[in-house]
Amino acid sequence: MESLIILIPIAVLLIAIAVRIFLWAVDNDQFDDMEGPAHSILFDDDKPKARRPSNKDSSETAQAPKQS
């Protein structure tokens, strides 16, 4: 019974801290868009990066001897 004198205020304090953290998260828009980041990984990029041939590759193909 004597332990309840200590445990009840500790429990009330922990609940108050949890409620305060939840309210802080709501105020800072932590729960604003829950599905956007999850779905954004499924979409392709609009413009894929074009690959430019390097000078080494283009010079080798331009000077390659033709075989008959």
PDB file of N, CA and C in Angstrom:
ATOM      1  N   MET A   1       0.821  -1.190   0.000  1.00  0.00           N
ATOM      2  CA  MET A   1       0.000   0.000   0.000  1.00  0.00           C
ATOM      3  C   MET A   1       0.869   1.259   0.000  1.00  0.00           C
ATOM      4  N   GLU A   2       1.979   1.173   0.676  1.00  0.00           N
ATOM      5  CA  GLU A   2       2.866   2.333   0.733  1.00  0.00           C
ATOM      6  C   GLU A   2       3.526   2.599  -0.615  1.00  0.00           C
ATOM      7  N   SER A   3       3.660   1.559  -1.416  1.00  0.00           N
ATOM      8  CA  SER A   3       4.281   1.747  -2.730  1.00  0.00           C
ATOM      9  C   SER A   3       3.375   2.520  -3.687  1.00  0.00           C
ATOM     10  N   LEU A   4       2.051   2.465  -3.436  1.00  0.00           N
ATOM     11  CA  LEU A   4       1.125   3.217  -4.282  1.00  0.00           C
ATOM     12  C   LEU A   4       1.324   4.721  -4.139  1.00  0.00           C
ATOM     13  N   ILE A   5       1.789   5.154  -2.991  1.00  0.00           N
ATOM     14  CA  ILE A   5       2.038   6.579  -2.775  1.00  0.00           C
ATOM     15  C   ILE A   5       3.133   7.065  -3.719  1.00  0.00           C
ATOM     16  N   ILE A   6       4.047   6.198  -4.077  1.00  0.00           N
ATOM     17  CA  ILE A   6       5.137   6.552  -4.996  1.00  0.00           C
ATOM     18  C   ILE A   6       4.744   6.249  -6.443  1.00  0.00           C
ATOM     19  N   LEU A   7       4.088   5.112  -6.679  1.00  0.00           N
ATOM     20  CA  LEU A   7       3.804   4.671  -8.041  1.00  0.00           C
ATOM     21  C   LEU A   7       2.724   5.495  -8.742  1.00  0.00           C
ATOM     22  N   ILE A   8       1.708   5.934  -8.030  1.00  0.00           N
ATOM     23  CA  ILE A   8       0.639   6.713  -8.667  1.00  0.00           C
ATOM     24  C   ILE A   8       1.150   8.058  -9.170  1.00  0.00           C
ATOM     25  N   PRO A   9       1.896   8.848  -8.401  1.00  0.00           N
ATOM     26  CA  PRO A   9       2.429  10.098  -8.967  1.00  0.00           C
ATOM     27  C   PRO A   9       3.402   9.874 -10.129  1.00  0.00           C
ATOM     28  N   ILE A  10       4.185   8.794 -10.073  1.00  0.00           N
ATOM     29  CA  ILE A  10       5.099   8.489 -11.181  1.00  0.00           C
ATOM     30  C   ILE A  10       4.299   8.157 -12.436  1.00  0.00           C
ATOM     31  N   ALA A  11       3.228   7.378 -12.296  1.00  0.00           N
ATOM     32  CA  ALA A  11       2.389   7.028 -13.445  1.00  0.00           C
ATOM     33  C   ALA A  11       1.713   8.267 -14.022  1.00  0.00           C
ATOM     34  N   VAL A  12       1.210   9.142 -13.164  1.00  0.00           N
ATOM     35  CA  VAL A  12       0.570  10.371 -13.640  1.00  0.00           C
ATOM     36  C   VAL A  12       1.591  11.253 -14.351  1.00  0.00           C
ATOM     37  N   LEU A  13       2.790  11.329 -13.830  1.00  0.00           N
ATOM     38  CA  LEU A  13       3.848  12.125 -14.454  1.00  0.00           C
ATOM     39  C   LEU A  13       4.222  11.559 -15.827  1.00  0.00           C
ATOM     40  N   LEU A  14       4.345  10.247 -15.947  1.00  0.00           N
ATOM     41  CA  LEU A  14       4.673   9.629 -17.234  1.00  0.00           C
ATOM     42  C   LEU A  14       3.555   9.835 -18.260  1.00  0.00           C
ATOM     43  N   ILE A  15       2.314   9.764 -17.819  1.00  0.00           N
ATOM     44  CA  ILE A  15       1.195  10.012 -18.734  1.00  0.00           C
ATOM     45  C   ILE A  15       1.203  11.462 -19.193  1.00  0.00           C
ATOM     46  N   ALA A  16       1.485  12.387 -18.292  1.00  0.00           N
ATOM     47  CA  ALA A  16       1.540  13.804 -18.658  1.00  0.00           C
ATOM     48  C   ALA A  16       2.664  14.066 -19.656  1.00  0.00           C
ATOM     49  N   ILE A  17       3.801  13.414 -19.469  1.00  0.00           N
ATOM     50  CA  ILE A  17       4.921  13.573 -20.408  1.00  0.00           C
ATOM     51  C   ILE A  17       4.550  13.005 -21.779  1.00  0.00           C
ATOM     52  N   ALA A  18       3.895  11.842 -21.802  1.00  0.00           N
ATOM     53  CA  ALA A  18       3.498  11.233 -23.076  1.00  0.00           C
ATOM     54  C   ALA A  18       2.482  12.104 -23.809  1.00  0.00           C
ATOM     55  N   VAL A  19       1.535  12.680 -23.093  1.00  0.00           N
ATOM     56  CA  VAL A  19       0.545  13.563 -23.720  1.00  0.00           C
ATOM     57  C   VAL A  19       1.226  14.807 -24.259  1.00  0.00           C
ATOM     58  N   ARG A  20       2.169  15.352 -23.524  1.00  0.00           N
ATOM     59  CA  ARG A  20       2.883  16.561 -23.973  1.00  0.00           C
ATOM     60  C   ARG A  20       3.700  16.273 -25.240  1.00  0.00           C
ATOM     61  N   ILE A  21       4.359  15.127 -25.308  1.00  0.00           N
ATOM     62  CA  ILE A  21       5.127  14.758 -26.503  1.00  0.00           C
ATOM     63  C   ILE A  21       4.186  14.574 -27.696  1.00  0.00           C
ATOM     64  N   PHE A  22       3.036  13.956 -27.472  1.00  0.00           N
ATOM     65  CA  PHE A  22       2.067  13.782 -28.555  1.00  0.00           C
ATOM     66  C   PHE A  22       1.558  15.127 -29.061  1.00  0.00           C
ATOM     67  N   LEU A  23       1.225  16.043 -28.156  1.00  0.00           N
ATOM     68  CA  LEU A  23       0.743  17.363 -28.572  1.00  0.00           C
ATOM     69  C   LEU A  23       1.825  18.146 -29.300  1.00  0.00           C
ATOM     70  N   TRP A  24       3.081  17.992 -28.881  1.00  0.00           N
ATOM     71  CA  TRP A  24       4.187  18.655 -29.579  1.00  0.00           C
ATOM     72  C   TRP A  24       4.301  18.129 -31.007  1.00  0.00           C
ATOM     73  N   ALA A  25       4.164  16.814 -31.166  1.00  0.00           N
ATOM     74  CA  ALA A  25       4.273  16.218 -32.502  1.00  0.00           C
ATOM     75  C   ALA A  25       3.136  16.686 -33.401  1.00  0.00           C
ATOM     76  N   VAL A  26       1.940  16.811 -32.865  1.00  0.00           N
ATOM     77  CA  VAL A  26       0.807  17.281 -33.663  1.00  0.00           C
ATOM     78  C   VAL A  26       1.006  18.743 -34.045  1.00  0.00           C
ATOM     79  N   ASP A  27       1.477  19.563 -33.121  1.00  0.00           N
ATOM     80  CA  ASP A  27       1.692  20.986 -33.410  1.00  0.00           C
ATOM     81  C   ASP A  27       2.790  21.206 -34.443  1.00  0.00           C
ATOM     82  N   ASN A  28       3.784  20.339 -34.489  1.00  0.00           N
ATOM     83  CA  ASN A  28       4.898  20.490 -35.427  1.00  0.00           C
ATOM     84  C   ASN A  28       4.675  19.724 -36.728  1.00  0.00           C
ATOM     85  N   ASP A  29       3.436  19.350 -37.008  1.00  0.00           N
ATOM     86  CA  ASP A  29       3.045  18.687 -38.261  1.00  0.00           C
ATOM     87  C   ASP A  29       3.805  17.390 -38.516  1.00  0.00           C
ATOM     88  N   GLN A  30       4.076  16.646 -37.471  1.00  0.00           N
ATOM     89  CA  GLN A  30       4.748  15.363 -37.648  1.00  0.00           C
ATOM     90  C   GLN A  30       3.821  14.325 -38.283  1.00  0.00           C
ATOM     91  N   PHE A  31       2.514  14.517 -38.130  1.00  0.00           N
ATOM     92  CA  PHE A  31       1.541  13.573 -38.676  1.00  0.00           C
ATOM     93  C   PHE A  31       0.812  14.164 -39.873  1.00  0.00           C
ATOM     94  N   ASP A  32       1.400  15.136 -40.537  1.00  0.00           N
ATOM     95  CA  ASP A  32       0.725  15.859 -41.609  1.00  0.00           C
ATOM     96  C   ASP A  32       0.513  14.976 -42.842  1.00  0.00           C
ATOM     97  N   ASP A  33       1.548  14.334 -43.341  1.00  0.00           N
ATOM     98  CA  ASP A  33       1.447  13.514 -44.549  1.00  0.00           C
ATOM     99  C   ASP A  33       2.096  12.164 -44.279  1.00  0.00           C
ATOM    100  N   MET A  34       1.282  11.212 -43.900  1.00  0.00           N
ATOM    101  CA  MET A  34       1.816   9.900 -43.543  1.00  0.00           C
ATOM    102  C   MET A  34       2.024   9.002 -44.766  1.00  0.00           C
ATOM    103  N   GLU A  35       1.271   9.207 -45.850  1.00  0.00           N
ATOM    104  CA  GLU A  35       1.358   8.311 -46.996  1.00  0.00           C
ATOM    105  C   GLU A  35       2.268   8.824 -48.100  1.00  0.00           C
ATOM    106  N   GLY A  36       2.563  10.101 -48.131  1.00  0.00           N
ATOM    107  CA  GLY A  36       3.369  10.678 -49.206  1.00  0.00           C
ATOM    108  C   GLY A  36       4.755  10.067 -49.326  1.00  0.00           C
ATOM    109  N   PRO A  37       5.547  10.032 -48.254  1.00  0.00           N
ATOM    110  CA  PRO A  37       6.883   9.446 -48.374  1.00  0.00           C
ATOM    111  C   PRO A  37       6.862   7.950 -48.695  1.00  0.00           C
ATOM    112  N   ALA A  38       5.835   7.249 -48.247  1.00  0.00           N
ATOM    113  CA  ALA A  38       5.760   5.814 -48.529  1.00  0.00           C
ATOM    114  C   ALA A  38       5.480   5.549 -50.005  1.00  0.00           C
ATOM    115  N   HIS A  39       4.688   6.411 -50.632  1.00  0.00           N
ATOM    116  CA  HIS A  39       4.348   6.204 -52.041  1.00  0.00           C
ATOM    117  C   HIS A  39       5.355   6.843 -52.987  1.00  0.00           C
ATOM    118  N   SER A  40       6.111   7.807 -52.517  1.00  0.00           N
ATOM    119  CA  SER A  40       7.029   8.513 -53.419  1.00  0.00           C
ATOM    120  C   SER A  40       8.149   7.607 -53.922  1.00  0.00           C
ATOM    121  N   ILE A  41       8.490   6.576 -53.187  1.00  0.00           N
ATOM    122  CA  ILE A  41       9.558   5.682 -53.630  1.00  0.00           C
ATOM    123  C   ILE A  41       9.092   4.808 -54.793  1.00  0.00           C
ATOM    124  N   LEU A  42       7.780   4.663 -54.965  1.00  0.00           N
ATOM    125  CA  LEU A  42       7.264   3.819 -56.036  1.00  0.00           C
ATOM    126  C   LEU A  42       7.230   4.517 -57.382  1.00  0.00           C
ATOM    127  N   PHE A  43       7.280   5.844 -57.389  1.00  0.00           N
ATOM    128  CA  PHE A  43       7.186   6.594 -58.633  1.00  0.00           C
ATOM    129  C   PHE A  43       8.558   6.787 -59.248  1.00  0.00           C
ATOM    130  N   ASP A  44       8.603   6.759 -60.583  1.00  0.00           N
ATOM    131  CA  ASP A  44       9.853   6.997 -61.294  1.00  0.00           C
ATOM    132  C   ASP A  44      10.167   8.482 -61.305  1.00  0.00           C
ATOM    133  N   ASP A  45      11.427   8.788 -61.535  1.00  0.00           N
ATOM    134  CA  ASP A  45      11.813  10.180 -61.709  1.00  0.00           C
ATOM    135  C   ASP A  45      11.222  10.689 -63.014  1.00  0.00           C
ATOM    136  N   ASP A  46      10.917  11.986 -63.055  1.00  0.00           N
ATOM    137  CA  ASP A  46      10.329  12.559 -64.263  1.00  0.00           C
ATOM    138  C   ASP A  46      11.310  12.547 -65.429  1.00  0.00           C
ATOM    139  N   LYS A  47      12.532  12.961 -65.181  1.00  0.00           N
ATOM    140  CA  LYS A  47      13.533  13.045 -66.243  1.00  0.00           C
ATOM    141  C   LYS A  47      14.747  12.194 -65.854  1.00  0.00           C
ATOM    142  N   PRO A  48      14.928  11.051 -66.476  1.00  0.00           N
ATOM    143  CA  PRO A  48      16.122  10.261 -66.160  1.00  0.00           C
ATOM    144  C   PRO A  48      17.370  10.972 -66.671  1.00  0.00           C
ATOM    145  N   LYS A  49      18.440  10.788 -65.971  1.00  0.00           N
ATOM    146  CA  LYS A  49      19.692  11.427 -66.371  1.00  0.00           C
ATOM    147  C   LYS A  49      20.214  10.787 -67.653  1.00  0.00           C
ATOM    148  N   ALA A  50      20.562  11.628 -68.622  1.00  0.00           N
ATOM    149  CA  ALA A  50      21.091  11.134 -69.894  1.00  0.00           C
ATOM    150  C   ALA A  50      22.562  10.792 -69.717  1.00  0.00           C
ATOM    151  N   ARG A  51      22.976   9.718 -70.332  1.00  0.00           N
ATOM    152  CA  ARG A  51      24.369   9.294 -70.251  1.00  0.00           C
ATOM    153  C   ARG A  51      25.144   9.870 -71.403  1.00  0.00           C
ATOM    154  N   ARG A  52      26.174  10.603 -71.101  1.00  0.00           N
ATOM    155  CA  ARG A  52      27.030  11.166 -72.151  1.00  0.00           C
ATOM    156  C   ARG A  52      28.198  10.230 -72.383  1.00  0.00           C
ATOM    157  N   PRO A  53      28.504   9.921 -73.631  1.00  0.00           N
ATOM    158  CA  PRO A  53      29.676   9.071 -73.882  1.00  0.00           C
ATOM    159  C   PRO A  53      30.948   9.847 -73.554  1.00  0.00           C
ATOM    160  N   SER A  54      31.870   9.159 -72.971  1.00  0.00           N
ATOM    161  CA  SER A  54      33.135   9.824 -72.651  1.00  0.00           C
ATOM    162  C   SER A  54      33.986   9.942 -73.912  1.00  0.00           C
ATOM    163  N   ASN A  55      34.994  10.765 -73.870  1.00  0.00           N
ATOM    164  CA  ASN A  55      35.875  10.967 -75.026  1.00  0.00           C
ATOM    165  C   ASN A  55      36.607   9.680 -75.393  1.00  0.00           C
ATOM    166  N   LYS A  56      36.923   8.896 -74.404  1.00  0.00           N
ATOM    167  CA  LYS A  56      37.644   7.649 -74.648  1.00  0.00           C
ATOM    168  C   LYS A  56      36.784   6.679 -75.465  1.00  0.00           C
ATOM    169  N   ASP A  57      35.504   6.559 -75.104  1.00  0.00           N
ATOM    170  CA  ASP A  57      34.619   5.645 -75.822  1.00  0.00           C
ATOM    171  C   ASP A  57      34.384   6.105 -77.255  1.00  0.00           C
ATOM    172  N   SER A  58      34.166   7.382 -77.475  1.00  0.00           N
ATOM    173  CA  SER A  58      33.857   7.867 -78.818  1.00  0.00           C
ATOM    174  C   SER A  58      35.084   7.817 -79.727  1.00  0.00           C
ATOM    175  N   SER A  59      36.279   8.021 -79.187  1.00  0.00           N
ATOM    176  CA  SER A  59      37.476   7.983 -80.029  1.00  0.00           C
ATOM    177  C   SER A  59      37.810   6.552 -80.441  1.00  0.00           C
ATOM    178  N   GLU A  60      37.524   5.590 -79.585  1.00  0.00           N
ATOM    179  CA  GLU A  60      37.802   4.195 -79.930  1.00  0.00           C
ATOM    180  C   GLU A  60      36.847   3.701 -81.006  1.00  0.00           C
ATOM    181  N   THR A  61      35.603   4.101 -80.938  1.00  0.00           N
ATOM    182  CA  THR A  61      34.651   3.630 -81.941  1.00  0.00           C
ATOM    183  C   THR A  61      34.862   4.339 -83.269  1.00  0.00           C
ATOM    184  N   ALA A  62      35.331   5.567 -83.246  1.00  0.00           N
ATOM    185  CA  ALA A  62      35.546   6.311 -84.492  1.00  0.00           C
ATOM    186  C   ALA A  62      36.782   5.804 -85.228  1.00  0.00           C
ATOM    187  N   GLN A  63      37.780   5.301 -84.517  1.00  0.00           N
ATOM    188  CA  GLN A  63      39.031   4.885 -85.137  1.00  0.00           C
ATOM    189  C   GLN A  63      39.142   3.371 -85.283  1.00  0.00           C
ATOM    190  N   ALA A  64      38.090   2.666 -85.010  1.00  0.00           N
ATOM    191  CA  ALA A  64      38.156   1.215 -85.114  1.00  0.00           C
ATOM    192  C   ALA A  64      38.312   0.815 -86.578  1.00  0.00           C
ATOM    193  N   PRO A  65      39.287  -0.033 -86.899  1.00  0.00           N
ATOM    194  CA  PRO A  65      39.498  -0.445 -88.292  1.00  0.00           C
ATOM    195  C   PRO A  65      38.387  -1.388 -88.730  1.00  0.00           C
ATOM    196  N   LYS A  66      38.026  -1.251 -89.994  1.00  0.00           N
ATOM    197  CA  LYS A  66      36.993  -2.111 -90.557  1.00  0.00           C
ATOM    198  C   LYS A  66      37.640  -3.383 -91.078  1.00  0.00           C
ATOM    199  N   GLN A  67      37.009  -4.488 -90.802  1.00  0.00           N
ATOM    200  CA  GLN A  67      37.517  -5.766 -91.295  1.00  0.00           C
ATOM    201  C   GLN A  67      36.684  -6.194 -92.494  1.00  0.00           C
ATOM    202  N   SER A  68      37.354  -6.713 -93.539  1.00  0.00           N
ATOM    203  CA  SER A  68      36.639  -7.121 -94.753  1.00  0.00           C
ATOM    204  C   SER A  68      36.362  -8.594 -94.743  1.00  0.00           C
TER     205      SER A  68
END
